[in-house]
């Protein structure tokens, strides 16, 4: 994609005028953070933990004790 938002001779941004500035800011931040290793490490952590599979569950010991055991529906 070129800097003008086009893919070759096709594409472009067809959005309301009110969204042009926020989209430009989003694009700026995207390119800024794609070179930030700390951000990429955090992003990869969340991708490994939460995307495309079941969310890891946390055993809430005190809550389980408070309600007298686990609840199955």
PDB file of N, CA and C in Angstrom:
ATOM      1  N   UNK A   1       0.851  -1.172   0.000  1.00  0.00           N
ATOM      2  CA  UNK A   1       0.000   0.000   0.000  1.00  0.00           C
ATOM      3  C   UNK A   1       0.893   1.230   0.000  1.00  0.00           C
ATOM      4  N   UNK A   2       0.540   2.167  -0.800  1.00  0.00           N
ATOM      5  CA  UNK A   2       1.310   3.401  -0.871  1.00  0.00           C
ATOM      6  C   UNK A   2       0.937   4.357   0.245  1.00  0.00           C
ATOM      7  N   UNK A   3       1.695   5.443   0.353  1.00  0.00           N
ATOM      8  CA  UNK A   3       1.430   6.444   1.383  1.00  0.00           C
ATOM      9  C   UNK A   3       0.091   7.149   1.182  1.00  0.00           C
ATOM     10  N   UNK A   4      -0.441   7.062  -0.017  1.00  0.00           N
ATOM     11  CA  UNK A   4      -1.711   7.720  -0.303  1.00  0.00           C
ATOM     12  C   UNK A   4      -2.918   6.841   0.014  1.00  0.00           C
ATOM     13  N   UNK A   5      -2.678   5.620   0.520  1.00  0.00           N
ATOM     14  CA  UNK A   5      -3.778   4.741   0.890  1.00  0.00           C
ATOM     15  C   UNK A   5      -4.270   3.858  -0.236  1.00  0.00           C
ATOM     16  N   UNK A   6      -3.582   3.830  -1.354  1.00  0.00           N
ATOM     17  CA  UNK A   6      -4.027   3.040  -2.498  1.00  0.00           C
ATOM     18  C   UNK A   6      -3.183   1.788  -2.652  1.00  0.00           C
ATOM     19  N   UNK A   7      -3.815   0.723  -3.151  1.00  0.00           N
ATOM     20  CA  UNK A   7      -3.141  -0.514  -3.510  1.00  0.00           C
ATOM     21  C   UNK A   7      -2.994  -0.490  -5.022  1.00  0.00           C
ATOM     22  N   UNK A   8      -1.853  -0.052  -5.510  1.00  0.00           N
ATOM     23  CA  UNK A   8      -1.695   0.110  -6.950  1.00  0.00           C
ATOM     24  C   UNK A   8      -2.636   1.195  -7.421  1.00  0.00           C
ATOM     25  N   UNK A   9      -3.422   0.898  -8.431  1.00  0.00           N
ATOM     26  CA  UNK A   9      -4.374   1.885  -8.924  1.00  0.00           C
ATOM     27  C   UNK A   9      -5.734   1.775  -8.240  1.00  0.00           C
ATOM     28  N   UNK A  10      -5.875   0.826  -7.320  1.00  0.00           N
ATOM     29  CA  UNK A  10      -7.153   0.579  -6.669  1.00  0.00           C
ATOM     30  C   UNK A  10      -7.099   0.948  -5.196  1.00  0.00           C
ATOM     31  N   UNK A  11      -8.245   0.998  -4.573  1.00  0.00           N
ATOM     32  CA  UNK A  11      -8.318   1.175  -3.123  1.00  0.00           C
ATOM     33  C   UNK A  11      -8.564   2.603  -2.736  1.00  0.00           C
ATOM     34  N   UNK A  12      -7.954   2.989  -1.661  1.00  0.00           N
ATOM     35  CA  UNK A  12      -8.170   4.319  -1.126  1.00  0.00           C
ATOM     36  C   UNK A  12      -9.002   4.252   0.134  1.00  0.00           C
ATOM     37  N   UNK A  13      -9.232   5.391   0.698  1.00  0.00           N
ATOM     38  CA  UNK A  13     -10.001   5.466   1.940  1.00  0.00           C
ATOM     39  C   UNK A  13     -11.333   6.130   1.645  1.00  0.00           C
ATOM     40  N   UNK A  14     -12.364   5.393   1.841  1.00  0.00           N
ATOM     41  CA  UNK A  14     -13.704   5.910   1.626  1.00  0.00           C
ATOM     42  C   UNK A  14     -14.391   5.978   2.979  1.00  0.00           C
ATOM     43  N   UNK A  15     -14.101   7.040   3.713  1.00  0.00           N
ATOM     44  CA  UNK A  15     -14.640   7.212   5.063  1.00  0.00           C
ATOM     45  C   UNK A  15     -15.186   8.631   5.199  1.00  0.00           C
ATOM     46  N   UNK A  16     -16.073   8.827   6.171  1.00  0.00           N
ATOM     47  CA  UNK A  16     -16.558  10.180   6.414  1.00  0.00           C
ATOM     48  C   UNK A  16     -15.413  11.125   6.781  1.00  0.00           C
ATOM     49  N   UNK A  17     -15.587  12.370   6.461  1.00  0.00           N
ATOM     50  CA  UNK A  17     -14.563  13.386   6.728  1.00  0.00           C
ATOM     51  C   UNK A  17     -14.129  13.390   8.196  1.00  0.00           C
ATOM     52  N   UNK A  18     -15.090  13.153   9.117  1.00  0.00           N
ATOM     53  CA  UNK A  18     -14.787  13.176  10.553  1.00  0.00           C
ATOM     54  C   UNK A  18     -13.809  12.085  10.961  1.00  0.00           C
ATOM     55  N   UNK A  19     -13.686  11.019  10.163  1.00  0.00           N
ATOM     56  CA  UNK A  19     -12.801   9.912  10.523  1.00  0.00           C
ATOM     57  C   UNK A  19     -11.409  10.030   9.928  1.00  0.00           C
ATOM     58  N   UNK A  20     -11.186  10.954   9.038  1.00  0.00           N
ATOM     59  CA  UNK A  20      -9.881  11.052   8.378  1.00  0.00           C
ATOM     60  C   UNK A  20      -8.753  11.348   9.363  1.00  0.00           C
ATOM     61  N   UNK A  21      -8.935  12.308  10.245  1.00  0.00           N
ATOM     62  CA  UNK A  21      -7.885  12.639  11.220  1.00  0.00           C
ATOM     63  C   UNK A  21      -7.638  11.484  12.194  1.00  0.00           C
ATOM     64  N   UNK A  22      -8.691  10.870  12.786  1.00  0.00           N
ATOM     65  CA  UNK A  22      -8.426   9.730  13.676  1.00  0.00           C
ATOM     66  C   UNK A  22      -7.745   8.560  12.965  1.00  0.00           C
ATOM     67  N   UNK A  23      -8.103   8.306  11.712  1.00  0.00           N
ATOM     68  CA  UNK A  23      -7.454   7.220  10.971  1.00  0.00           C
ATOM     69  C   UNK A  23      -5.998   7.537  10.670  1.00  0.00           C
ATOM     70  N   UNK A  24      -5.704   8.801  10.389  1.00  0.00           N
ATOM     71  CA  UNK A  24      -4.309   9.206  10.163  1.00  0.00           C
ATOM     72  C   UNK A  24      -3.498   9.017  11.444  1.00  0.00           C
ATOM     73  N   UNK A  25      -4.086   9.367  12.596  1.00  0.00           N
ATOM     74  CA  UNK A  25      -3.409   9.175  13.881  1.00  0.00           C
ATOM     75  C   UNK A  25      -3.198   7.694  14.170  1.00  0.00           C
ATOM     76  N   UNK A  26      -4.188   6.878  13.888  1.00  0.00           N
ATOM     77  CA  UNK A  26      -4.065   5.434  14.078  1.00  0.00           C
ATOM     78  C   UNK A  26      -2.946   4.862  13.218  1.00  0.00           C
ATOM     79  N   UNK A  27      -2.883   5.290  11.968  1.00  0.00           N
ATOM     80  CA  UNK A  27      -1.831   4.812  11.071  1.00  0.00           C
ATOM     81  C   UNK A  27      -0.449   5.234  11.573  1.00  0.00           C
ATOM     82  N   UNK A  28      -0.338   6.475  12.043  1.00  0.00           N
ATOM     83  CA  UNK A  28       0.937   6.976  12.573  1.00  0.00           C
ATOM     84  C   UNK A  28       1.387   6.128  13.759  1.00  0.00           C
ATOM     85  N   UNK A  29       0.458   5.875  14.681  1.00  0.00           N
ATOM     86  CA  UNK A  29       0.796   5.074  15.867  1.00  0.00           C
ATOM     87  C   UNK A  29       1.103   3.631  15.505  1.00  0.00           C
ATOM     88  N   UNK A  30       0.403   3.086  14.517  1.00  0.00           N
ATOM     89  CA  UNK A  30       0.672   1.722  14.070  1.00  0.00           C
ATOM     90  C   UNK A  30       2.134   1.585  13.654  1.00  0.00           C
ATOM     91  N   UNK A  31       2.588   2.491  12.794  1.00  0.00           N
ATOM     92  CA  UNK A  31       3.967   2.399  12.320  1.00  0.00           C
ATOM     93  C   UNK A  31       4.965   2.710  13.434  1.00  0.00           C
ATOM     94  N   UNK A  32       4.587   3.573  14.370  1.00  0.00           N
ATOM     95  CA  UNK A  32       5.457   3.874  15.504  1.00  0.00           C
ATOM     96  C   UNK A  32       5.661   2.637  16.368  1.00  0.00           C
ATOM     97  N   UNK A  33       4.578   1.967  16.709  1.00  0.00           N
ATOM     98  CA  UNK A  33       4.668   0.852  17.643  1.00  0.00           C
ATOM     99  C   UNK A  33       5.102  -0.456  16.998  1.00  0.00           C
ATOM    100  N   UNK A  34       5.022  -0.570  15.708  1.00  0.00           N
ATOM    101  CA  UNK A  34       5.487  -1.793  15.066  1.00  0.00           C
ATOM    102  C   UNK A  34       7.012  -1.907  15.111  1.00  0.00           C
ATOM    103  N   UNK A  35       7.688  -0.833  15.487  1.00  0.00           N
ATOM    104  CA  UNK A  35       9.139  -0.858  15.664  1.00  0.00           C
ATOM    105  C   UNK A  35       9.538  -0.858  17.141  1.00  0.00           C
ATOM    106  N   UNK A  36       8.575  -0.932  18.054  1.00  0.00           N
ATOM    107  CA  UNK A  36       8.821  -0.887  19.487  1.00  0.00           C
ATOM    108  C   UNK A  36       8.818  -2.314  20.038  1.00  0.00           C
ATOM    109  N   UNK A  37       9.985  -2.819  20.403  1.00  0.00           N
ATOM    110  CA  UNK A  37      10.109  -4.214  20.822  1.00  0.00           C
ATOM    111  C   UNK A  37       9.317  -4.512  22.088  1.00  0.00           C
ATOM    112  N   UNK A  38       9.259  -3.571  23.033  1.00  0.00           N
ATOM    113  CA  UNK A  38       8.467  -3.794  24.250  1.00  0.00           C
ATOM    114  C   UNK A  38       6.993  -3.980  23.908  1.00  0.00           C
ATOM    115  N   UNK A  39       6.488  -3.140  23.005  1.00  0.00           N
ATOM    116  CA  UNK A  39       5.095  -3.270  22.581  1.00  0.00           C
ATOM    117  C   UNK A  39       4.870  -4.612  21.900  1.00  0.00           C
ATOM    118  N   UNK A  40       5.768  -4.995  21.000  1.00  0.00           N
ATOM    119  CA  UNK A  40       5.609  -6.256  20.278  1.00  0.00           C
ATOM    120  C   UNK A  40       5.652  -7.449  21.222  1.00  0.00           C
ATOM    121  N   UNK A  41       6.514  -7.385  22.229  1.00  0.00           N
ATOM    122  CA  UNK A  41       6.571  -8.473  23.218  1.00  0.00           C
ATOM    123  C   UNK A  41       5.252  -8.591  23.974  1.00  0.00           C
ATOM    124  N   UNK A  42       4.691  -7.444  24.385  1.00  0.00           N
ATOM    125  CA  UNK A  42       3.408  -7.470  25.093  1.00  0.00           C
ATOM    126  C   UNK A  42       2.287  -7.951  24.177  1.00  0.00           C
ATOM    127  N   UNK A  43       2.275  -7.474  22.950  1.00  0.00           N
ATOM    128  CA  UNK A  43       1.272  -7.910  21.983  1.00  0.00           C
ATOM    129  C   UNK A  43       1.356  -9.416  21.765  1.00  0.00           C
ATOM    130  N   UNK A  44       2.551  -9.943  21.597  1.00  0.00           N
ATOM    131  CA  UNK A  44       2.719 -11.385  21.384  1.00  0.00           C
ATOM    132  C   UNK A  44       2.289 -12.188  22.600  1.00  0.00           C
ATOM    133  N   UNK A  45       2.518 -11.658  23.796  1.00  0.00           N
ATOM    134  CA  UNK A  45       2.046 -12.325  25.009  1.00  0.00           C
ATOM    135  C   UNK A  45       0.523 -12.489  24.959  1.00  0.00           C
ATOM    136  N   UNK A  46      -0.176 -11.380  24.670  1.00  0.00           N
ATOM    137  CA  UNK A  46      -1.636 -11.447  24.632  1.00  0.00           C
ATOM    138  C   UNK A  46      -2.132 -12.320  23.491  1.00  0.00           C
ATOM    139  N   UNK A  47      -1.448 -12.308  22.371  1.00  0.00           N
ATOM    140  CA  UNK A  47      -1.846 -13.180  21.268  1.00  0.00           C
ATOM    141  C   UNK A  47      -1.709 -14.645  21.670  1.00  0.00           C
ATOM    142  N   UNK A  48      -0.606 -14.993  22.357  1.00  0.00           N
ATOM    143  CA  UNK A  48      -0.408 -16.381  22.793  1.00  0.00           C
ATOM    144  C   UNK A  48      -1.447 -16.788  23.830  1.00  0.00           C
ATOM    145  N   UNK A  49      -1.784 -15.869  24.748  1.00  0.00           N
ATOM    146  CA  UNK A  49      -2.655 -16.206  25.863  1.00  0.00           C
ATOM    147  C   UNK A  49      -4.140 -16.201  25.514  1.00  0.00           C
ATOM    148  N   UNK A  50      -4.557 -15.347  24.596  1.00  0.00           N
ATOM    149  CA  UNK A  50      -5.988 -15.111  24.446  1.00  0.00           C
ATOM    150  C   UNK A  50      -6.574 -15.293  23.057  1.00  0.00           C
ATOM    151  N   UNK A  51      -5.767 -15.299  22.021  1.00  0.00           N
ATOM    152  CA  UNK A  51      -6.326 -15.313  20.668  1.00  0.00           C
ATOM    153  C   UNK A  51      -6.350 -16.733  20.120  1.00  0.00           C
ATOM    154  N   UNK A  52      -7.522 -17.125  19.607  1.00  0.00           N
ATOM    155  CA  UNK A  52      -7.631 -18.385  18.898  1.00  0.00           C
ATOM    156  C   UNK A  52      -7.747 -19.621  19.756  1.00  0.00           C
ATOM    157  N   UNK A  53      -7.941 -19.448  21.032  1.00  0.00           N
ATOM    158  CA  UNK A  53      -8.114 -20.604  21.907  1.00  0.00           C
ATOM    159  C   UNK A  53      -8.868 -20.182  23.147  1.00  0.00           C
ATOM    160  N   UNK A  54      -9.188 -21.151  23.961  1.00  0.00           N
ATOM    161  CA  UNK A  54      -9.898 -20.832  25.194  1.00  0.00           C
ATOM    162  C   UNK A  54      -9.028 -19.962  26.086  1.00  0.00           C
ATOM    163  N   UNK A  55      -9.654 -19.091  26.837  1.00  0.00           N
ATOM    164  CA  UNK A  55      -8.937 -18.223  27.768  1.00  0.00           C
ATOM    165  C   UNK A  55      -8.493 -19.040  28.969  1.00  0.00           C
ATOM    166  N   UNK A  56      -7.237 -18.875  29.397  1.00  0.00           N
ATOM    167  CA  UNK A  56      -6.804 -19.590  30.597  1.00  0.00           C
ATOM    168  C   UNK A  56      -7.650 -19.165  31.800  1.00  0.00           C
ATOM    169  N   UNK A  57      -8.040 -20.125  32.597  1.00  0.00           N
ATOM    170  CA  UNK A  57      -8.860 -19.832  33.763  1.00  0.00           C
ATOM    171  C   UNK A  57      -7.984 -19.687  35.000  1.00  0.00           C
ATOM    172  N   UNK A  58      -8.432 -18.860  35.903  1.00  0.00           N
ATOM    173  CA  UNK A  58      -7.732 -18.643  37.156  1.00  0.00           C
ATOM    174  C   UNK A  58      -8.525 -19.327  38.269  1.00  0.00           C
ATOM    175  N   UNK A  59      -7.868 -20.118  39.089  1.00  0.00           N
ATOM    176  CA  UNK A  59      -8.529 -20.767  40.216  1.00  0.00           C
ATOM    177  C   UNK A  59      -8.659 -19.741  41.347  1.00  0.00           C
ATOM    178  N   UNK A  60      -9.876 -19.344  41.634  1.00  0.00           N
ATOM    179  CA  UNK A  60     -10.157 -18.360  42.675  1.00  0.00           C
ATOM    180  C   UNK A  60     -10.432 -19.106  43.977  1.00  0.00           C
ATOM    181  N   UNK A  61      -9.377 -19.416  44.713  1.00  0.00           N
ATOM    182  CA  UNK A  61      -9.482 -20.249  45.909  1.00  0.00           C
ATOM    183  C   UNK A  61     -10.446 -19.673  46.935  1.00  0.00           C
ATOM    184  N   UNK A  62     -10.296 -18.391  47.281  1.00  0.00           N
ATOM    185  CA  UNK A  62     -11.149 -17.804  48.316  1.00  0.00           C
ATOM    186  C   UNK A  62     -12.604 -17.728  47.864  1.00  0.00           C
ATOM    187  N   UNK A  63     -12.851 -17.414  46.599  1.00  0.00           N
ATOM    188  CA  UNK A  63     -14.222 -17.378  46.101  1.00  0.00           C
ATOM    189  C   UNK A  63     -14.836 -18.776  46.139  1.00  0.00           C
ATOM    190  N   UNK A  64     -14.072 -19.777  45.742  1.00  0.00           N
ATOM    191  CA  UNK A  64     -14.563 -21.152  45.769  1.00  0.00           C
ATOM    192  C   UNK A  64     -14.922 -21.574  47.193  1.00  0.00           C
ATOM    193  N   UNK A  65     -14.064 -21.217  48.137  1.00  0.00           N
ATOM    194  CA  UNK A  65     -14.347 -21.527  49.545  1.00  0.00           C
ATOM    195  C   UNK A  65     -15.579 -20.776  50.035  1.00  0.00           C
ATOM    196  N   UNK A  66     -15.712 -19.519  49.636  1.00  0.00           N
ATOM    197  CA  UNK A  66     -16.834 -18.680  50.086  1.00  0.00           C
ATOM    198  C   UNK A  66     -18.177 -19.243  49.623  1.00  0.00           C
ATOM    199  N   UNK A  67     -18.240 -19.754  48.396  1.00  0.00           N
ATOM    200  CA  UNK A  67     -19.511 -20.245  47.894  1.00  0.00           C
ATOM    201  C   UNK A  67     -19.689 -21.752  48.105  1.00  0.00           C
ATOM    202  N   UNK A  68     -18.716 -22.372  48.764  1.00  0.00           N
ATOM    203  CA  UNK A  68     -18.859 -23.777  49.123  1.00  0.00           C
ATOM    204  C   UNK A  68     -18.516 -24.757  48.008  1.00  0.00           C
ATOM    205  N   UNK A  69     -17.662 -24.360  47.100  1.00  0.00           N
ATOM    206  CA  UNK A  69     -17.243 -25.247  46.026  1.00  0.00           C
ATOM    207  C   UNK A  69     -17.581 -24.667  44.665  1.00  0.00           C
ATOM    208  N   UNK A  70     -17.184 -25.408  43.660  1.00  0.00           N
ATOM    209  CA  UNK A  70     -17.449 -24.965  42.297  1.00  0.00           C
ATOM    210  C   UNK A  70     -18.910 -25.134  41.925  1.00  0.00           C
ATOM    211  N   UNK A  71     -19.348 -24.335  40.982  1.00  0.00           N
ATOM    212  CA  UNK A  71     -20.729 -24.392  40.513  1.00  0.00           C
ATOM    213  C   UNK A  71     -20.722 -24.872  39.080  1.00  0.00           C
ATOM    214  N   UNK A  72     -21.494 -25.910  38.798  1.00  0.00           N
ATOM    215  CA  UNK A  72     -21.588 -26.432  37.441  1.00  0.00           C
ATOM    216  C   UNK A  72     -22.984 -26.202  36.929  1.00  0.00           C
ATOM    217  N   UNK A  73     -23.081 -25.721  35.739  1.00  0.00           N
ATOM    218  CA  UNK A  73     -24.397 -25.456  35.137  1.00  0.00           C
ATOM    219  C   UNK A  73     -24.618 -26.423  34.013  1.00  0.00           C
TER     220      UNK A  73
END
